[in-house]
Structures are given as C-alpha cells and as structure tokens.
C-alpha cells in the first residue's frame, strides 16, 4: 500500500484510512483488534475514530467505546507509534455526548483529555471538529439548507477561541494538528483566515462524505482544498454499503446497516437504486468488484483523497484493502462520468 503525504502536516500516511465506528456495538473488542491486525498487515498507517463512536445507534452507554477498543489494542501490541491517529469532538446537538453541549474551549479541553484516556496514548495526531456548531448542509440537510439565521460575528469569535485552545493543546503536546469535518467552503476559508491572521493552528485535514453517489465536494470545496493543500478524508466511500449492491432491489439483509437505519440516514430515495444499478452495471461489464471499483475511483480524483474504509467483518475489510491493487481503465472512468451526469444527486 502506498504511503502519501498528509497535506502540509509533514506526516505520511497510507492511501486508505481505517474507520472504527462499528466497534463497540456491531463489533466486539476482539473483532476490532482483528481488523487492526489485518489493516496493519496490509500497510495501513492511518486510523480514524471519534468520541461518539460507535454509531447505529449513538448511545450514552457506548459513547467512547470505539476509542477504548483502539486503546486496548495499542496497550496490547505497543504499536501506537506505527500509525497516525485521528479522532473527533462531537458538535452541538448530539444528546448522548455531554447532553448535546456545543463545541467550546472548555468542552474541547475536556474531550481531548477524555479521548487520550480512552485511547491510552499521550497525543492525538489529528484532532477534528465532527461538525460545526452553526450547522451545515451535510448529513442530507442540503435539501432544506438555510444559512440565513447564522451569526457571522459569533461564528468568527468562536473560531478564534477554538483555535487559541487548539494552540494550547498543541503546546501541551496533547494534539499535533487541527482538522475539520462536515464543513463548508465558507467555513474552511474562514478557519484558514482566522488562523493566518492570528498565527494560530492551520486546518490540516477535512473529513466530509464523498463517494460515487455523494459528490457535493467536487466543486467549491475541491477548489479550496487543492489550493490550500488540505487533503480530504472521505467518509462513507461505499455510500454506507449501497455501492456494494447488497441493497439492490430495495432489500434489507439481516444484520445489515439498513436493518438498524431503514433509510440509511436519508440515502434511500426514489432515485438512488437507479444510480446504484448504473454503477453496478459498469462494474459487471468490466469484471470488477463494485466495492473495489468505487474505492479505486477515488484514487483518480484531481485532489488528494484518503478514503475511510469500515467493515463489520474481516472479509469485507480485506476486499477494501486489496482495492489498492485495482486500476481503472479510461473506458470505465468515462462510463462512471456518464452515470454521474445521469444521476448527479441521488440523495
């Protein structure tokens, strides 16, 4: 597996990032450790988690469990220094985490300390804001997105206070870099400007949803990230399993993610199965596994992308890991481009 520079951080990481959001409810500690062992055997050196994981559901009794499982693997194996570790603080409104409290300097400090304890490490390499306090158009909120109620002066003051706190945490050796998630082009640029104007930590990474079916990133945010040297950490690169074909025909396999979230977080729409069928057809025509095709496509993008792969068993994970061996010929890319034009925003 190739190792690539992580933006302007000076860090080098694997071209795939291992996600952990199923560990602690859909996966046991032993299964999480097995995934970590397999990923490292395949050259993965980049791991992403979050204080609120596991999900489906997010529950107060399991908040932090994914970090704990990762921490016990570090303690058992002594391999913490082999990986770049990213985690996240939950934004406002997630009732299972600090009763839905917003991100503030105080909650940031408490959250970092709690994550360090669960992860059994002294430092977090990339510390991210899971979503902005002001809200955004992510999580399928773009259909009714209305930014008119935002208070830009309040937002900018918040950004400066958070970056000042991030600088303190960096100076204390608790975090190395500051990242964002579920942000907008305006938001990223204001974070960057605030950092530059005040000599504070610069945005290192952006983690947003991105896949063959979810391509909101392709325009303004792509331009921002290319010109500012910010890599995309792409979550849900298989569209929560839709691109595997397991839900084709509008079915719900037992034990699947859809059995816990029937609409897959708003991704099940009238048009989505047509879009899925188009991509499954391309994969079948060219003798490709659809999951590997979807992940290989991400490596062809004109900006730096690190897909975050997640799995509930090691067979699924191995399929994703070996996608790095797949190269898509021009005719496949041309057909994918046509499918995107036919189904540009299926959810």
Protein backbone atom coordinates (compact mmCIF):
# COMPACT_ATOMS: atom_id res chain seq x y z
CA UNK A 1 0.00 0.00 0.00
CA UNK A 2 1.33 3.41 -0.96
CA UNK A 3 2.19 5.95 1.70
CA UNK A 4 1.35 9.59 0.87
CA UNK A 5 1.98 13.00 2.43
CA UNK A 6 -0.93 14.18 4.59
CA UNK A 7 -1.31 17.70 3.26
CA UNK A 8 1.10 20.16 4.86
CA UNK A 9 1.37 18.33 8.19
CA UNK A 10 4.72 16.68 7.46
CA UNK A 11 3.09 13.34 8.25
CA UNK A 12 3.00 10.41 5.81
CA UNK A 13 0.06 8.01 5.89
CA UNK A 14 -1.36 5.07 3.97
CA UNK A 15 -3.62 5.75 1.00
CA UNK A 16 -6.50 4.11 2.88
CA UNK A 17 -7.64 5.09 6.38
CA UNK A 18 -9.24 2.54 8.72
CA UNK A 19 -12.55 3.64 10.25
CA UNK A 20 -13.79 2.37 13.61
CA UNK A 21 -17.41 3.45 14.02
CA UNK A 22 -18.84 -0.09 14.34
CA UNK A 23 -16.54 -1.16 17.16
CA UNK A 24 -18.39 -1.45 20.43
CA UNK A 25 -21.87 -2.42 19.23
CA UNK A 26 -21.69 -4.21 15.87
CA UNK A 27 -18.15 -5.43 16.56
CA UNK A 28 -16.60 -6.80 19.71
CA UNK A 29 -13.24 -5.78 21.09
CA UNK A 30 -11.68 -8.96 19.66
CA UNK A 31 -13.14 -8.22 16.23
CA UNK A 32 -11.88 -4.65 16.35
CA UNK A 33 -8.40 -5.91 17.22
CA UNK A 34 -8.55 -8.42 14.36
CA UNK A 35 -9.41 -5.62 11.94
CA UNK A 36 -6.49 -3.57 13.22
CA UNK A 37 -4.10 -6.51 12.82
CA UNK A 38 -5.31 -7.15 9.27
CA UNK A 39 -5.12 -3.49 8.31
CA UNK A 40 -1.57 -3.14 9.61
CA UNK A 41 -0.57 -6.34 7.79
CA UNK A 42 -1.74 -4.62 4.58
CA UNK A 43 0.20 -1.44 5.29
CA UNK A 44 -2.48 0.80 6.81
CA UNK A 45 -0.91 3.52 8.95
CA UNK A 46 -3.91 5.88 9.25
CA UNK A 47 -6.81 5.35 11.69
CA UNK A 48 -9.89 7.50 12.27
CA UNK A 49 -12.26 7.38 15.22
CA UNK A 50 -14.46 9.76 17.26
CA UNK A 51 -15.55 10.25 20.83
CA UNK A 52 -19.21 9.44 19.99
CA UNK A 53 -18.49 6.13 18.23
CA UNK A 54 -19.92 3.52 17.87
CA UNK A 55 -22.99 4.59 15.87
CA UNK A 56 -26.30 2.94 14.91
CA UNK A 57 -27.25 3.91 17.45
CA UNK A 58 -25.19 6.56 19.18
CA UNK A 59 -25.99 5.83 22.83
CA UNK A 60 -24.76 7.31 26.09
CA UNK A 61 -23.77 3.87 27.36
CA UNK A 62 -21.48 3.20 24.37
CA UNK A 63 -20.02 6.68 23.73
CA UNK A 64 -16.24 6.32 23.55
CA UNK A 65 -16.24 2.55 23.23
CA UNK A 66 -14.59 2.58 19.79
CA UNK A 67 -11.75 4.68 21.19
CA UNK A 68 -11.45 2.28 24.13
CA UNK A 69 -11.11 -0.72 21.80
CA UNK A 70 -8.42 1.08 19.84
CA UNK A 71 -6.70 1.97 23.11
CA UNK A 72 -6.60 -1.62 24.33
CA UNK A 73 -5.03 -2.65 21.02
CA UNK A 74 -2.34 -0.01 21.47
CA UNK A 75 -1.71 -1.26 25.01
CA UNK A 76 -1.63 -4.91 23.95
CA UNK A 77 0.56 -4.52 20.87
CA UNK A 78 2.69 -1.47 21.59
CA UNK A 79 2.07 -0.30 18.01
CA UNK A 80 0.80 3.23 18.70
CA UNK A 81 3.85 4.79 17.06
CA UNK A 82 3.18 2.87 13.83
CA UNK A 83 0.02 4.82 12.99
CA UNK A 84 -1.29 8.35 12.55
CA UNK A 85 -4.32 8.68 14.80
CA UNK A 86 -7.31 10.94 14.14
CA UNK A 87 -10.31 11.45 16.36
CA UNK A 88 -13.12 13.99 16.74
CA UNK A 89 -15.14 16.02 19.22
CA UNK A 90 -18.91 15.92 18.70
CA UNK A 91 -20.64 19.13 17.70
CA UNK A 92 -23.74 20.69 19.21
CA UNK A 93 -26.93 18.65 19.44
CA UNK A 94 -25.67 15.10 19.98
CA UNK A 95 -27.59 14.38 23.18
CA UNK A 96 -25.63 11.22 24.02
CA UNK A 97 -22.41 13.23 24.32
CA UNK A 98 -22.24 15.86 27.07
CA UNK A 99 -26.05 16.27 26.77
CA UNK A 100 -25.63 17.89 23.34
CA UNK A 101 -23.32 20.69 24.50
CA UNK A 102 -21.73 22.76 21.72
CA UNK A 103 -18.02 22.90 20.99
CA UNK A 104 -16.40 25.48 23.27
CA UNK A 105 -12.86 25.92 24.59
CA UNK A 106 -13.95 24.17 27.79
CA UNK A 107 -15.59 21.18 26.09
CA UNK A 108 -12.65 20.90 23.69
CA UNK A 109 -10.19 20.53 26.56
CA UNK A 110 -12.40 18.01 28.37
CA UNK A 111 -13.00 16.00 25.21
CA UNK A 112 -9.31 15.80 24.32
CA UNK A 113 -8.41 14.62 27.82
CA UNK A 114 -11.16 12.01 27.78
CA UNK A 115 -10.12 10.71 24.35
CA UNK A 116 -6.48 10.50 25.41
CA UNK A 117 -7.52 8.37 28.37
CA UNK A 118 -9.68 6.02 26.33
CA UNK A 119 -7.08 5.73 23.58
CA UNK A 120 -4.28 5.06 26.10
CA UNK A 121 -1.98 7.48 24.31
CA UNK A 122 -0.21 10.73 25.10
CA UNK A 123 -1.01 12.52 21.86
CA UNK A 124 -3.64 12.66 19.11
CA UNK A 125 -2.17 13.36 15.67
CA UNK A 126 -5.26 14.92 14.03
CA UNK A 127 -7.99 16.35 16.26
CA UNK A 128 -11.16 17.22 14.34
CA UNK A 129 -14.43 19.05 14.96
CA UNK A 130 -17.08 16.49 13.97
CA UNK A 131 -19.48 19.17 12.70
CA UNK A 132 -19.72 22.93 13.20
CA UNK A 133 -21.86 24.42 15.96
CA UNK A 134 -23.62 26.64 13.44
CA UNK A 135 -24.78 23.61 11.41
CA UNK A 136 -24.12 22.83 7.76
CA UNK A 137 -25.67 21.20 4.70
CA UNK A 138 -24.14 17.77 5.42
CA UNK A 139 -26.00 14.64 6.58
CA UNK A 140 -28.56 15.16 3.76
CA UNK A 141 -29.50 18.57 5.14
CA UNK A 142 -28.74 20.25 1.80
CA UNK A 143 -32.35 19.86 0.61
CA UNK A 144 -33.57 22.43 3.14
CA UNK A 145 -30.33 24.25 3.90
CA UNK A 146 -30.88 27.80 5.17
CA UNK A 147 -27.82 29.70 6.42
CA UNK A 148 -29.71 32.96 6.86
CA UNK A 149 -30.02 32.53 10.62
CA UNK A 150 -26.27 32.28 11.17
CA UNK A 151 -24.44 34.99 13.08
CA UNK A 152 -21.09 35.51 11.33
CA UNK A 153 -19.61 37.66 14.09
CA UNK A 154 -20.41 34.99 16.66
CA UNK A 155 -19.03 32.28 14.40
CA UNK A 156 -15.75 34.12 13.82
CA UNK A 157 -15.30 34.78 17.54
CA UNK A 158 -15.94 31.07 18.16
CA UNK A 159 -13.34 30.09 15.56
CA UNK A 160 -10.68 32.28 17.13
CA UNK A 161 -11.41 30.92 20.62
CA UNK A 162 -11.26 27.31 19.43
CA UNK A 163 -8.00 27.86 17.54
CA UNK A 164 -6.47 29.54 20.58
CA UNK A 165 -7.43 26.49 22.63
CA UNK A 166 -6.06 24.16 19.95
CA UNK A 167 -2.77 26.05 20.17
CA UNK A 168 -2.68 25.48 23.94
CA UNK A 169 -3.32 21.76 23.41
CA UNK A 170 -0.56 21.61 20.79
CA UNK A 171 1.83 23.42 23.12
CA UNK A 172 0.95 20.88 25.84
CA UNK A 173 1.75 18.03 23.45
CA UNK A 174 -1.78 16.61 23.58
CA UNK A 175 -2.61 17.10 19.89
CA UNK A 176 -0.42 17.67 16.84
CA UNK A 177 -2.80 19.08 14.22
CA UNK A 178 -6.29 20.55 13.93
CA UNK A 179 -8.88 19.28 11.44
CA UNK A 180 -12.48 19.83 10.38
CA UNK A 181 -15.36 17.58 9.40
CA UNK A 182 -18.70 18.23 7.71
CA UNK A 183 -17.61 21.77 6.88
CA UNK A 184 -18.48 24.10 4.01
CA UNK A 185 -16.25 26.07 1.65
CA UNK A 186 -17.03 29.32 3.51
CA UNK A 187 -16.32 27.64 6.83
CA UNK A 188 -12.96 26.20 5.76
CA UNK A 189 -11.81 29.54 4.35
CA UNK A 190 -12.81 31.43 7.50
CA UNK A 191 -10.96 28.92 9.69
CA UNK A 192 -7.91 29.39 7.46
CA UNK A 193 -8.14 33.19 7.54
CA UNK A 194 -8.61 33.26 11.31
CA UNK A 195 -5.57 31.04 11.77
CA UNK A 196 -3.43 33.15 9.43
CA UNK A 197 -4.49 36.48 10.94
CA UNK A 198 -3.76 35.34 14.49
CA UNK A 199 -0.80 32.98 13.96
CA UNK A 200 -2.86 30.03 15.16
CA UNK A 201 -3.01 26.36 14.03
CA UNK A 202 -3.90 25.90 10.39
CA UNK A 203 -6.58 23.47 9.20
CA UNK A 204 -4.72 20.25 8.38
CA UNK A 205 -7.48 17.99 7.03
CA UNK A 206 -11.15 17.98 6.10
CA UNK A 207 -13.37 14.94 6.63
CA UNK A 208 -16.57 15.03 4.56
CA UNK A 209 -18.77 12.44 2.90
CA UNK A 210 -17.61 11.55 -0.61
CA UNK A 211 -18.40 8.66 -2.96
CA UNK A 212 -19.68 7.87 -6.43
CA UNK A 213 -23.14 8.76 -5.13
CA UNK A 214 -22.26 11.74 -2.89
CA UNK A 215 -20.25 14.34 -4.78
CA UNK A 216 -21.07 17.69 -3.16
CA UNK A 217 -17.33 18.11 -2.60
CA UNK A 218 -16.50 18.23 -6.31
CA UNK A 219 -16.76 21.99 -6.91
CA UNK A 220 -16.13 24.75 -4.34
CA UNK A 221 -14.65 22.56 -1.64
CA UNK A 222 -12.40 20.79 -4.13
CA UNK A 223 -11.05 24.17 -5.23
CA UNK A 224 -10.46 25.24 -1.64
CA UNK A 225 -8.67 22.03 -0.70
CA UNK A 226 -6.48 21.89 -3.81
CA UNK A 227 -5.34 25.50 -3.49
CA UNK A 228 -4.89 25.36 0.29
CA UNK A 229 -3.18 21.95 0.44
CA UNK A 230 -5.88 20.32 2.57
CA UNK A 231 -6.50 16.60 1.94
CA UNK A 232 -10.00 15.13 2.05
CA UNK A 233 -10.67 12.26 4.43
CA UNK A 234 -13.65 10.73 2.63
CA UNK A 235 -16.19 9.01 4.85
CA UNK A 236 -18.84 6.60 3.53
CA UNK A 237 -16.84 5.93 0.32
CA UNK A 238 -19.16 2.98 -0.41
CA UNK A 239 -22.28 5.04 0.35
CA UNK A 240 -22.99 3.03 3.53
CA UNK A 241 -22.97 -0.19 1.52
CA UNK A 242 -25.25 0.93 -1.31
CA UNK A 243 -22.41 0.65 -3.82
CA UNK A 244 -21.78 -2.98 -2.82
CA UNK A 245 -25.15 -3.91 -4.31
CA UNK A 246 -26.38 -5.63 -1.17
CA UNK A 247 -29.44 -3.38 -1.00
CA UNK A 248 -30.19 -3.55 -4.75
CA UNK A 249 -33.85 -4.22 -5.38
CA UNK A 250 -34.67 -2.30 -2.20
CA UNK A 251 -33.93 -5.25 0.08
CA UNK A 252 -32.69 -5.21 3.67
CA UNK A 253 -30.35 -8.11 4.52
CA UNK A 254 -30.48 -9.37 8.11
CA UNK A 255 -27.83 -7.77 10.28
CA UNK A 256 -27.01 -5.09 7.73
CA UNK A 257 -26.67 -1.40 8.47
CA UNK A 258 -30.08 -0.84 6.86
CA UNK A 259 -31.66 -3.22 9.38
CA UNK A 260 -30.70 -0.62 12.01
CA UNK A 261 -31.29 2.50 9.89
CA UNK A 262 -34.01 1.75 7.30
CA UNK A 263 -33.41 4.90 5.22
CA UNK A 264 -29.62 4.80 5.69
CA UNK A 265 -29.63 8.28 7.12
CA UNK A 266 -31.68 9.74 4.27
CA UNK A 267 -29.80 7.95 1.48
CA UNK A 268 -32.74 5.75 0.44
CA UNK A 269 -34.66 7.81 -2.11
CA UNK A 270 -36.76 7.18 -5.21
CA UNK A 271 -33.73 7.66 -7.46
CA UNK A 272 -30.94 6.01 -5.52
CA UNK A 273 -31.43 2.46 -6.79
CA UNK A 274 -31.28 3.64 -10.41
CA UNK A 275 -27.95 5.28 -9.65
CA UNK A 276 -26.71 2.16 -7.84
CA UNK A 277 -27.79 -0.06 -10.75
CA UNK A 278 -25.87 2.12 -13.20
CA UNK A 279 -22.65 1.71 -11.24
CA UNK A 280 -23.20 -1.99 -10.61
CA UNK A 281 -23.68 -2.41 -14.34
CA UNK A 282 -20.36 -0.71 -15.08
CA UNK A 283 -18.56 -2.97 -12.63
CA UNK A 284 -20.21 -6.11 -14.05
CA UNK A 285 -19.45 -5.16 -17.66
CA UNK A 286 -15.74 -4.78 -16.87
CA UNK A 287 -15.40 -7.71 -14.46
CA UNK A 288 -14.80 -5.52 -11.43
CA UNK A 289 -15.96 -5.89 -7.87
CA UNK A 290 -18.25 -2.86 -7.32
CA UNK A 291 -16.72 -2.01 -3.94
CA UNK A 292 -13.22 -2.11 -5.31
CA UNK A 293 -14.27 -0.06 -8.33
CA UNK A 294 -15.77 2.60 -6.05
CA UNK A 295 -12.63 2.81 -3.93
CA UNK A 296 -10.27 2.72 -6.91
CA UNK A 297 -12.22 5.59 -8.50
CA UNK A 298 -11.41 7.79 -5.50
CA UNK A 299 -7.70 7.44 -6.30
CA UNK A 300 -8.32 9.04 -9.70
CA UNK A 301 -9.72 12.31 -8.38
CA UNK A 302 -7.91 15.60 -9.11
CA UNK A 303 -7.46 16.31 -5.40
CA UNK A 304 -5.95 14.35 -2.53
CA UNK A 305 -8.39 11.84 -1.03
CA UNK A 306 -7.93 9.34 1.78
CA UNK A 307 -10.97 7.01 1.79
CA UNK A 308 -12.03 5.91 5.27
CA UNK A 309 -12.90 2.22 4.98
CA UNK A 310 -15.03 0.45 7.56
CA UNK A 311 -16.22 -3.13 7.85
CA UNK A 312 -18.14 -5.42 10.14
CA UNK A 313 -16.03 -8.49 9.30
CA UNK A 314 -12.51 -9.18 8.10
CA UNK A 315 -13.64 -10.50 4.70
CA UNK A 316 -15.25 -7.14 3.92
CA UNK A 317 -12.15 -5.35 5.18
CA UNK A 318 -9.78 -7.47 3.08
CA UNK A 319 -11.84 -6.70 -0.04
CA UNK A 320 -11.50 -2.98 0.67
CA UNK A 321 -7.80 -3.21 1.49
CA UNK A 322 -6.97 -5.02 -1.75
CA UNK A 323 -8.75 -2.33 -3.79
CA UNK A 324 -5.39 -0.55 -3.93
CA UNK A 325 -4.34 -3.21 -6.46
CA UNK A 326 -7.13 -2.16 -8.87
CA UNK A 327 -6.52 0.42 -11.60
CA UNK A 328 -9.49 1.64 -13.61
CA UNK A 329 -9.04 1.92 -17.38
CA UNK A 330 -10.19 5.06 -19.24
CA UNK A 331 -13.35 3.43 -20.56
CA UNK A 332 -14.53 2.67 -17.01
CA UNK A 333 -13.89 6.26 -15.94
CA UNK A 334 -15.80 7.51 -18.98
CA UNK A 335 -18.80 5.33 -18.12
CA UNK A 336 -18.70 6.48 -14.50
CA UNK A 337 -18.73 10.10 -15.68
CA UNK A 338 -21.82 9.40 -17.81
CA UNK A 339 -23.56 7.72 -14.87
CA UNK A 340 -22.83 10.76 -12.72
CA UNK A 341 -24.40 13.07 -15.31
CA UNK A 342 -27.48 10.82 -15.45
CA UNK A 343 -27.82 10.60 -11.65
CA UNK A 344 -25.99 13.64 -10.26
CA UNK A 345 -27.59 13.87 -6.81
CA UNK A 346 -29.42 10.64 -5.98
CA UNK A 347 -29.76 11.56 -2.28
